[in-house]
Amino acid sequence: MTVKAMVFDAYGTLYDVHSVSAKAEELCPGRGDLITQIWRLKQLEYTWLQTSLLEYRDFGFLTRASLEFALLAVGIEPKESITGPLLDKYLYLDPYPEAKDALGRLKSRGDQKLAILSNGSTAMLSALVKSSGLDRYLDATISVDGAKKFKPHPDCYALVEKTLGLKKDEVMFVSSNGFDVAGAKHFGFTVVWIRRGGGAPVPGGPAQFYRMLRGDTETLGYTQDYTVSALTDLIGLL
């Protein structure tokens, strides 16, 4: 296998989307974790709905809409004093602890291009990679804005070929999201699943329910080529 590029999902793979939970708890005591979990699940649902309806409103719009849904669902009025700080935090999400080290080590090898392919809007991703410092390791940050569809639509993955000038069999795609792994595999990439969801927890709250949904990859036949538990494990695959 000749890998000329490693392409990463952003949200949930390089960046911890639940690093917003502390701010949510500060603004909405006792309901921060629940808001965070509903927010993320609704955010994904809205992306799939938009693509199914052949419509496109960017990830910034859907992120706000899903946050407002989550707040209303727990009985909180989505006032700007709450939504503003939470949406700002999405531009400053925490990278996973091993992300900088893994990208730095891959970059130092010098034999693969490194890129992000994300549902995030161009503006959101530009702010995020700059604020986190991951931009120094990346050759490209690709938004699905270019396809006006959301993953796992094939047109989103085709943006990698267009942007990096590579064939699909030269790309290794890395994601923690099962639907994303399935979409990338169906498109023709070699895929790596980052097992962020953990094992099989007993449902007892929103966080446990969310981890249960993410604990395994999809079972429709488009399974991962490799499974790793952390980004640093990627070095051993090359």
C-alpha atoms as a PDB file:
ATOM      1  CA  MET A   1       0.000   0.000   0.000  1.00  0.00           C
ATOM      2  CA  THR A   2       1.398   3.360  -1.069  1.00  0.00           C
ATOM      3  CA  VAL A   3      -0.078   6.076   1.115  1.00  0.00           C
ATOM      4  CA  LYS A   4       0.591   9.553  -0.256  1.00  0.00           C
ATOM      5  CA  ALA A   5      -1.861  11.387   1.996  1.00  0.00           C
ATOM      6  CA  MET A   6      -3.429  10.929   5.392  1.00  0.00           C
ATOM      7  CA  VAL A   7      -6.744  12.754   5.651  1.00  0.00           C
ATOM      8  CA  PHE A   8      -8.468  13.277   8.982  1.00  0.00           C
ATOM      9  CA  ASP A   9     -11.985  14.033  10.052  1.00  0.00           C
ATOM     10  CA  ALA A  10     -11.976  17.014  12.437  1.00  0.00           C
ATOM     11  CA  TYR A  11     -14.902  16.863  14.862  1.00  0.00           C
ATOM     12  CA  GLY A  12     -14.594  13.871  17.167  1.00  0.00           C
ATOM     13  CA  THR A  13     -11.360  12.673  15.562  1.00  0.00           C
ATOM     14  CA  LEU A  14      -8.791  15.448  15.971  1.00  0.00           C
ATOM     15  CA  TYR A  15     -10.984  17.662  18.175  1.00  0.00           C
ATOM     16  CA  ASP A  16     -13.066  16.744  21.194  1.00  0.00           C
ATOM     17  CA  VAL A  17     -16.555  18.075  20.467  1.00  0.00           C
ATOM     18  CA  HIS A  18     -17.484  17.512  24.098  1.00  0.00           C
ATOM     19  CA  SER A  19     -14.896  19.992  25.306  1.00  0.00           C
ATOM     20  CA  VAL A  20     -17.844  22.418  25.151  1.00  0.00           C
ATOM     21  CA  SER A  21     -19.445  20.648  28.117  1.00  0.00           C
ATOM     22  CA  ALA A  22     -17.657  22.684  30.805  1.00  0.00           C
ATOM     23  CA  LYS A  23     -18.889  25.941  29.263  1.00  0.00           C
ATOM     24  CA  ALA A  24     -22.394  24.460  28.881  1.00  0.00           C
ATOM     25  CA  GLU A  25     -22.408  23.453  32.546  1.00  0.00           C
ATOM     26  CA  GLU A  26     -21.191  26.902  33.584  1.00  0.00           C
ATOM     27  CA  LEU A  27     -24.006  28.576  31.661  1.00  0.00           C
ATOM     28  CA  CYS A  28     -26.697  25.963  32.411  1.00  0.00           C
ATOM     29  CA  PRO A  29     -25.864  24.324  35.760  1.00  0.00           C
ATOM     30  CA  GLY A  30     -26.967  20.727  36.071  1.00  0.00           C
ATOM     31  CA  ARG A  31     -27.815  20.393  32.386  1.00  0.00           C
ATOM     32  CA  GLY A  32     -24.504  21.012  30.616  1.00  0.00           C
ATOM     33  CA  ASP A  33     -23.732  17.380  29.816  1.00  0.00           C
ATOM     34  CA  LEU A  34     -27.228  16.679  28.514  1.00  0.00           C
ATOM     35  CA  ILE A  35     -27.152  19.799  26.332  1.00  0.00           C
ATOM     36  CA  THR A  36     -23.788  18.805  24.882  1.00  0.00           C
ATOM     37  CA  GLN A  37     -24.906  15.287  23.969  1.00  0.00           C
ATOM     38  CA  ILE A  38     -28.214  16.376  22.396  1.00  0.00           C
ATOM     39  CA  TRP A  39     -26.422  19.163  20.549  1.00  0.00           C
ATOM     40  CA  ARG A  40     -23.973  16.805  18.873  1.00  0.00           C
ATOM     41  CA  LEU A  41     -26.543  14.171  17.945  1.00  0.00           C
ATOM     42  CA  LYS A  42     -28.938  16.769  16.516  1.00  0.00           C
ATOM     43  CA  GLN A  43     -26.076  18.444  14.648  1.00  0.00           C
ATOM     44  CA  LEU A  44     -25.338  15.186  12.823  1.00  0.00           C
ATOM     45  CA  GLU A  45     -29.032  14.535  12.189  1.00  0.00           C
ATOM     46  CA  TYR A  46     -29.394  17.946  10.566  1.00  0.00           C
ATOM     47  CA  THR A  47     -26.459  17.309   8.208  1.00  0.00           C
ATOM     48  CA  TRP A  48     -27.992  14.049   7.003  1.00  0.00           C
ATOM     49  CA  LEU A  49     -31.409  15.688   6.649  1.00  0.00           C
ATOM     50  CA  GLN A  50     -30.020  18.528   4.556  1.00  0.00           C
ATOM     51  CA  THR A  51     -28.277  16.168   2.142  1.00  0.00           C
ATOM     52  CA  SER A  52     -31.340  13.913   1.910  1.00  0.00           C
ATOM     53  CA  LEU A  53     -33.520  16.907   1.063  1.00  0.00           C
ATOM     54  CA  LEU A  54     -31.018  18.124  -1.560  1.00  0.00           C
ATOM     55  CA  GLU A  55     -30.552  21.342   0.374  1.00  0.00           C
ATOM     56  CA  TYR A  56     -27.439  22.918   1.812  1.00  0.00           C
ATOM     57  CA  ARG A  57     -26.981  25.315   4.676  1.00  0.00           C
ATOM     58  CA  ASP A  58     -23.483  25.325   6.055  1.00  0.00           C
ATOM     59  CA  PHE A  59     -22.299  23.738   9.270  1.00  0.00           C
ATOM     60  CA  GLY A  60     -22.284  27.043  11.115  1.00  0.00           C
ATOM     61  CA  PHE A  61     -26.012  27.450  10.499  1.00  0.00           C
ATOM     62  CA  LEU A  62     -26.735  23.836  11.488  1.00  0.00           C
ATOM     63  CA  THR A  63     -24.568  24.080  14.598  1.00  0.00           C
ATOM     64  CA  ARG A  64     -26.581  27.053  15.823  1.00  0.00           C
ATOM     65  CA  ALA A  65     -29.902  25.396  14.943  1.00  0.00           C
ATOM     66  CA  SER A  66     -28.974  22.180  16.742  1.00  0.00           C
ATOM     67  CA  LEU A  67     -27.806  24.102  19.814  1.00  0.00           C
ATOM     68  CA  GLU A  68     -31.103  25.976  19.969  1.00  0.00           C
ATOM     69  CA  PHE A  69     -32.941  22.644  19.695  1.00  0.00           C
ATOM     70  CA  ALA A  70     -30.858  21.160  22.535  1.00  0.00           C
ATOM     71  CA  LEU A  71     -31.508  24.126  24.820  1.00  0.00           C
ATOM     72  CA  LEU A  72     -35.244  24.080  24.179  1.00  0.00           C
ATOM     73  CA  ALA A  73     -35.294  20.313  24.720  1.00  0.00           C
ATOM     74  CA  VAL A  74     -34.034  20.760  28.280  1.00  0.00           C
ATOM     75  CA  GLY A  75     -36.280  23.726  28.981  1.00  0.00           C
ATOM     76  CA  ILE A  76     -33.847  26.615  28.469  1.00  0.00           C
ATOM     77  CA  GLU A  77     -34.569  29.652  26.318  1.00  0.00           C
ATOM     78  CA  PRO A  78     -31.806  29.931  23.691  1.00  0.00           C
ATOM     79  CA  LYS A  79     -30.786  33.487  24.502  1.00  0.00           C
ATOM     80  CA  GLU A  80     -27.699  35.016  22.914  1.00  0.00           C
ATOM     81  CA  SER A  81     -26.040  35.206  26.329  1.00  0.00           C
ATOM     82  CA  ILE A  82     -26.021  31.390  26.283  1.00  0.00           C
ATOM     83  CA  THR A  83     -25.737  30.527  22.595  1.00  0.00           C
ATOM     84  CA  GLY A  84     -23.010  33.091  21.887  1.00  0.00           C
ATOM     85  CA  PRO A  85     -20.353  31.699  24.258  1.00  0.00           C
ATOM     86  CA  LEU A  86     -21.162  28.100  23.312  1.00  0.00           C
ATOM     87  CA  LEU A  87     -20.887  28.775  19.582  1.00  0.00           C
ATOM     88  CA  ASP A  88     -17.636  30.676  20.174  1.00  0.00           C
ATOM     89  CA  LYS A  89     -16.259  27.623  21.981  1.00  0.00           C
ATOM     90  CA  TYR A  90     -16.774  25.606  18.781  1.00  0.00           C
ATOM     91  CA  LEU A  91     -14.020  27.725  17.236  1.00  0.00           C
ATOM     92  CA  TYR A  92     -11.698  26.805  20.122  1.00  0.00           C
ATOM     93  CA  LEU A  93     -12.416  23.133  20.668  1.00  0.00           C
ATOM     94  CA  ASP A  94      -9.716  21.191  22.493  1.00  0.00           C
ATOM     95  CA  PRO A  95      -7.633  18.874  20.310  1.00  0.00           C
ATOM     96  CA  TYR A  96      -7.379  15.363  21.697  1.00  0.00           C
ATOM     97  CA  PRO A  97      -4.256  15.080  23.875  1.00  0.00           C
ATOM     98  CA  GLU A  98      -2.274  13.058  21.331  1.00  0.00           C
ATOM     99  CA  ALA A  99      -3.290  15.038  18.240  1.00  0.00           C
ATOM    100  CA  LYS A 100      -0.357  17.462  18.074  1.00  0.00           C
ATOM    101  CA  ASP A 101       2.213  14.775  18.784  1.00  0.00           C
ATOM    102  CA  ALA A 102       0.751  12.414  16.183  1.00  0.00           C
ATOM    103  CA  LEU A 103       0.513  15.057  13.457  1.00  0.00           C
ATOM    104  CA  GLY A 104       3.974  16.346  14.308  1.00  0.00           C
ATOM    105  CA  ARG A 105       5.506  12.896  13.998  1.00  0.00           C
ATOM    106  CA  LEU A 106       3.695  12.227  10.736  1.00  0.00           C
ATOM    107  CA  LYS A 107       4.750  15.611   9.370  1.00  0.00           C
ATOM    108  CA  SER A 108       8.395  14.960  10.262  1.00  0.00           C
ATOM    109  CA  ARG A 109       8.384  11.849   8.086  1.00  0.00           C
ATOM    110  CA  GLY A 110       7.820  14.074   5.068  1.00  0.00           C
ATOM    111  CA  ASP A 111       6.422  11.323   2.852  1.00  0.00           C
ATOM    112  CA  GLN A 112       2.680  11.953   3.122  1.00  0.00           C
ATOM    113  CA  LYS A 113       0.481  14.979   2.740  1.00  0.00           C
ATOM    114  CA  LEU A 114      -1.674  15.695   5.787  1.00  0.00           C
ATOM    115  CA  ALA A 115      -5.135  17.178   5.472  1.00  0.00           C
ATOM    116  CA  ILE A 116      -8.521  17.568   7.116  1.00  0.00           C
ATOM    117  CA  LEU A 117     -11.819  16.769   5.399  1.00  0.00           C
ATOM    118  CA  SER A 118     -14.694  17.985   7.548  1.00  0.00           C
ATOM    119  CA  ASN A 119     -18.367  18.870   7.592  1.00  0.00           C
ATOM    120  CA  GLY A 120     -17.267  22.127   9.189  1.00  0.00           C
ATOM    121  CA  SER A 121     -17.702  25.316   7.206  1.00  0.00           C
ATOM    122  CA  THR A 122     -14.635  26.965   5.723  1.00  0.00           C
ATOM    123  CA  ALA A 123     -14.814  29.789   8.260  1.00  0.00           C
ATOM    124  CA  MET A 124     -15.245  27.451  11.249  1.00  0.00           C
ATOM    125  CA  LEU A 125     -12.373  25.190  10.213  1.00  0.00           C
ATOM    126  CA  SER A 126     -10.011  28.072   9.467  1.00  0.00           C
ATOM    127  CA  ALA A 127     -10.573  29.498  12.939  1.00  0.00           C
ATOM    128  CA  LEU A 128     -10.314  26.091  14.613  1.00  0.00           C
ATOM    129  CA  VAL A 129      -7.051  24.893  13.069  1.00  0.00           C
ATOM    130  CA  LYS A 130      -5.443  28.279  13.668  1.00  0.00           C
ATOM    131  CA  SER A 131      -6.557  28.586  17.284  1.00  0.00           C
ATOM    132  CA  SER A 132      -5.363  25.058  18.085  1.00  0.00           C
ATOM    133  CA  GLY A 133      -2.053  25.348  16.244  1.00  0.00           C
ATOM    134  CA  LEU A 134      -2.725  22.285  14.095  1.00  0.00           C
ATOM    135  CA  ASP A 135      -2.521  24.403  10.953  1.00  0.00           C
ATOM    136  CA  ARG A 136       1.284  24.170  11.049  1.00  0.00           C
ATOM    137  CA  TYR A 137       1.078  20.442  10.287  1.00  0.00           C
ATOM    138  CA  LEU A 138      -1.556  20.490   7.552  1.00  0.00           C
ATOM    139  CA  ASP A 139      -1.163  20.757   3.804  1.00  0.00           C
ATOM    140  CA  ALA A 140      -4.878  21.415   3.326  1.00  0.00           C
ATOM    141  CA  THR A 141      -8.052  21.953   5.317  1.00  0.00           C
ATOM    142  CA  ILE A 142     -10.987  20.858   3.173  1.00  0.00           C
ATOM    143  CA  SER A 143     -14.575  21.823   3.930  1.00  0.00           C
ATOM    144  CA  VAL A 144     -17.610  20.127   2.434  1.00  0.00           C
ATOM    145  CA  ASP A 145     -18.635  23.654   1.443  1.00  0.00           C
ATOM    146  CA  GLY A 146     -16.911  22.742  -1.812  1.00  0.00           C
ATOM    147  CA  ALA A 147     -19.449  19.984  -2.486  1.00  0.00           C
ATOM    148  CA  LYS A 148     -22.470  21.624  -0.819  1.00  0.00           C
ATOM    149  CA  LYS A 149     -23.317  18.251   0.680  1.00  0.00           C
ATOM    150  CA  PHE A 150     -22.420  16.589   3.953  1.00  0.00           C
ATOM    151  CA  LYS A 151     -20.580  13.382   4.659  1.00  0.00           C
ATOM    152  CA  PRO A 152     -21.061  10.536   3.943  1.00  0.00           C
ATOM    153  CA  HIS A 153     -22.061  11.709   0.439  1.00  0.00           C
ATOM    154  CA  PRO A 154     -19.407  10.588  -2.103  1.00  0.00           C
ATOM    155  CA  ASP A 155     -19.018  14.130  -3.470  1.00  0.00           C
ATOM    156  CA  CYS A 156     -17.480  15.151  -0.136  1.00  0.00           C
ATOM    157  CA  TYR A 157     -14.708  12.550  -0.336  1.00  0.00           C
ATOM    158  CA  ALA A 158     -14.092  13.429  -3.987  1.00  0.00           C
ATOM    159  CA  LEU A 159     -12.915  16.851  -2.771  1.00  0.00           C
ATOM    160  CA  VAL A 160      -9.773  15.156  -1.436  1.00  0.00           C
ATOM    161  CA  GLU A 161      -8.761  13.960  -4.890  1.00  0.00           C
ATOM    162  CA  LYS A 162      -9.415  17.382  -6.396  1.00  0.00           C
ATOM    163  CA  THR A 163      -7.591  19.294  -3.688  1.00  0.00           C
ATOM    164  CA  LEU A 164      -4.556  17.058  -3.215  1.00  0.00           C
ATOM    165  CA  GLY A 165      -4.283  15.794  -6.792  1.00  0.00           C
ATOM    166  CA  LEU A 166      -4.215  12.153  -5.710  1.00  0.00           C
ATOM    167  CA  LYS A 167      -6.071   8.974  -6.591  1.00  0.00           C
ATOM    168  CA  LYS A 168      -8.408   7.456  -4.020  1.00  0.00           C
ATOM    169  CA  ASP A 169      -6.181   4.398  -3.531  1.00  0.00           C
ATOM    170  CA  GLU A 170      -3.353   6.703  -2.437  1.00  0.00           C
ATOM    171  CA  VAL A 171      -5.359   8.115   0.466  1.00  0.00           C
ATOM    172  CA  MET A 172      -5.706   6.826   4.019  1.00  0.00           C
ATOM    173  CA  PHE A 173      -8.743   8.354   5.716  1.00  0.00           C
ATOM    174  CA  VAL A 174      -8.983   8.535   9.514  1.00  0.00           C
ATOM    175  CA  SER A 175     -12.184   9.079  11.467  1.00  0.00           C
ATOM    176  CA  SER A 176     -13.807   8.215  14.786  1.00  0.00           C
ATOM    177  CA  ASN A 177     -17.307   8.428  13.299  1.00  0.00           C
ATOM    178  CA  GLY A 178     -18.772   5.171  12.020  1.00  0.00           C
ATOM    179  CA  PHE A 179     -20.871   6.797   9.293  1.00  0.00           C
ATOM    180  CA  ASP A 180     -17.748   8.623   8.076  1.00  0.00           C
ATOM    181  CA  VAL A 181     -15.690   5.440   8.010  1.00  0.00           C
ATOM    182  CA  ALA A 182     -18.456   3.734   6.021  1.00  0.00           C
ATOM    183  CA  GLY A 183     -18.694   6.635   3.572  1.00  0.00           C
ATOM    184  CA  ALA A 184     -14.944   6.842   3.006  1.00  0.00           C
ATOM    185  CA  LYS A 185     -14.659   3.075   2.549  1.00  0.00           C
ATOM    186  CA  HIS A 186     -17.534   3.056   0.073  1.00  0.00           C
ATOM    187  CA  PHE A 187     -15.800   5.841  -1.853  1.00  0.00           C
ATOM    188  CA  GLY A 188     -12.616   3.799  -2.118  1.00  0.00           C
ATOM    189  CA  PHE A 189     -10.245   5.143   0.526  1.00  0.00           C
ATOM    190  CA  THR A 190      -8.249   2.954   2.870  1.00  0.00           C
ATOM    191  CA  VAL A 191      -9.865   3.766   6.212  1.00  0.00           C
ATOM    192  CA  VAL A 192      -8.815   3.791   9.843  1.00  0.00           C
ATOM    193  CA  TRP A 193     -11.354   3.927  12.658  1.00  0.00           C
ATOM    194  CA  ILE A 194     -10.259   5.699  15.830  1.00  0.00           C
ATOM    195  CA  ARG A 195     -12.086   3.890  18.617  1.00  0.00           C
ATOM    196  CA  ARG A 196     -13.073   6.920  20.703  1.00  0.00           C
ATOM    197  CA  GLY A 197     -16.329   5.457  22.006  1.00  0.00           C
ATOM    198  CA  GLY A 198     -14.764   2.986  24.407  1.00  0.00           C
ATOM    199  CA  GLY A 199     -16.302  -0.352  25.205  1.00  0.00           C
ATOM    200  CA  ALA A 200     -19.953  -1.188  25.773  1.00  0.00           C
ATOM    201  CA  PRO A 201     -21.149   0.923  28.696  1.00  0.00           C
ATOM    202  CA  VAL A 202     -24.380   0.306  30.548  1.00  0.00           C
ATOM    203  CA  PRO A 203     -26.779   3.128  29.630  1.00  0.00           C
ATOM    204  CA  GLY A 204     -27.326   5.397  32.592  1.00  0.00           C
ATOM    205  CA  GLY A 205     -27.219   8.920  31.276  1.00  0.00           C
ATOM    206  CA  PRO A 206     -26.648  11.000  28.138  1.00  0.00           C
ATOM    207  CA  ALA A 207     -22.885  10.540  28.071  1.00  0.00           C
ATOM    208  CA  GLN A 208     -23.186   6.754  28.430  1.00  0.00           C
ATOM    209  CA  PHE A 209     -25.838   6.656  25.699  1.00  0.00           C
ATOM    210  CA  TYR A 210     -23.653   8.686  23.352  1.00  0.00           C
ATOM    211  CA  ARG A 211     -20.638   6.435  23.948  1.00  0.00           C
ATOM    212  CA  MET A 212     -22.791   3.375  23.321  1.00  0.00           C
ATOM    213  CA  LEU A 213     -23.783   4.733  19.904  1.00  0.00           C
ATOM    214  CA  ARG A 214     -20.141   5.382  19.033  1.00  0.00           C
ATOM    215  CA  GLY A 215     -18.723   2.192  20.536  1.00  0.00           C
ATOM    216  CA  ASP A 216     -18.794   0.162  17.336  1.00  0.00           C
ATOM    217  CA  THR A 217     -18.526   0.837  13.634  1.00  0.00           C
ATOM    218  CA  GLU A 218     -21.324   0.348  11.154  1.00  0.00           C
ATOM    219  CA  THR A 219     -22.469  -3.113  10.056  1.00  0.00           C
ATOM    220  CA  LEU A 220     -23.566  -2.469   6.470  1.00  0.00           C
ATOM    221  CA  GLY A 221     -20.443  -4.020   4.962  1.00  0.00           C
ATOM    222  CA  TYR A 222     -18.328  -0.866   4.591  1.00  0.00           C
ATOM    223  CA  THR A 223     -16.052  -1.669   7.490  1.00  0.00           C
ATOM    224  CA  GLN A 224     -12.724  -0.185   8.445  1.00  0.00           C
ATOM    225  CA  ASP A 225      -9.380  -1.512   7.222  1.00  0.00           C
ATOM    226  CA  TYR A 226      -7.702  -0.725  10.546  1.00  0.00           C
ATOM    227  CA  THR A 227      -8.817   0.055  14.085  1.00  0.00           C
ATOM    228  CA  VAL A 228      -6.653   2.040  16.496  1.00  0.00           C
ATOM    229  CA  SER A 229      -7.289   3.518  19.920  1.00  0.00           C
ATOM    230  CA  ALA A 230      -5.275   6.719  19.501  1.00  0.00           C
ATOM    231  CA  LEU A 231      -3.859   8.880  16.726  1.00  0.00           C
ATOM    232  CA  THR A 232      -0.287   8.026  17.671  1.00  0.00           C
ATOM    233  CA  ASP A 233      -0.982   4.402  16.700  1.00  0.00           C
ATOM    234  CA  LEU A 234      -1.155   5.513  13.063  1.00  0.00           C
ATOM    235  CA  ILE A 235       2.636   5.694  12.825  1.00  0.00           C
ATOM    236  CA  GLY A 236       2.825   1.919  13.091  1.00  0.00           C
ATOM    237  CA  LEU A 237       0.502   1.434  10.137  1.00  0.00           C
ATOM    238  CA  LEU A 238       2.789   3.126   7.614  1.00  0.00           C
END
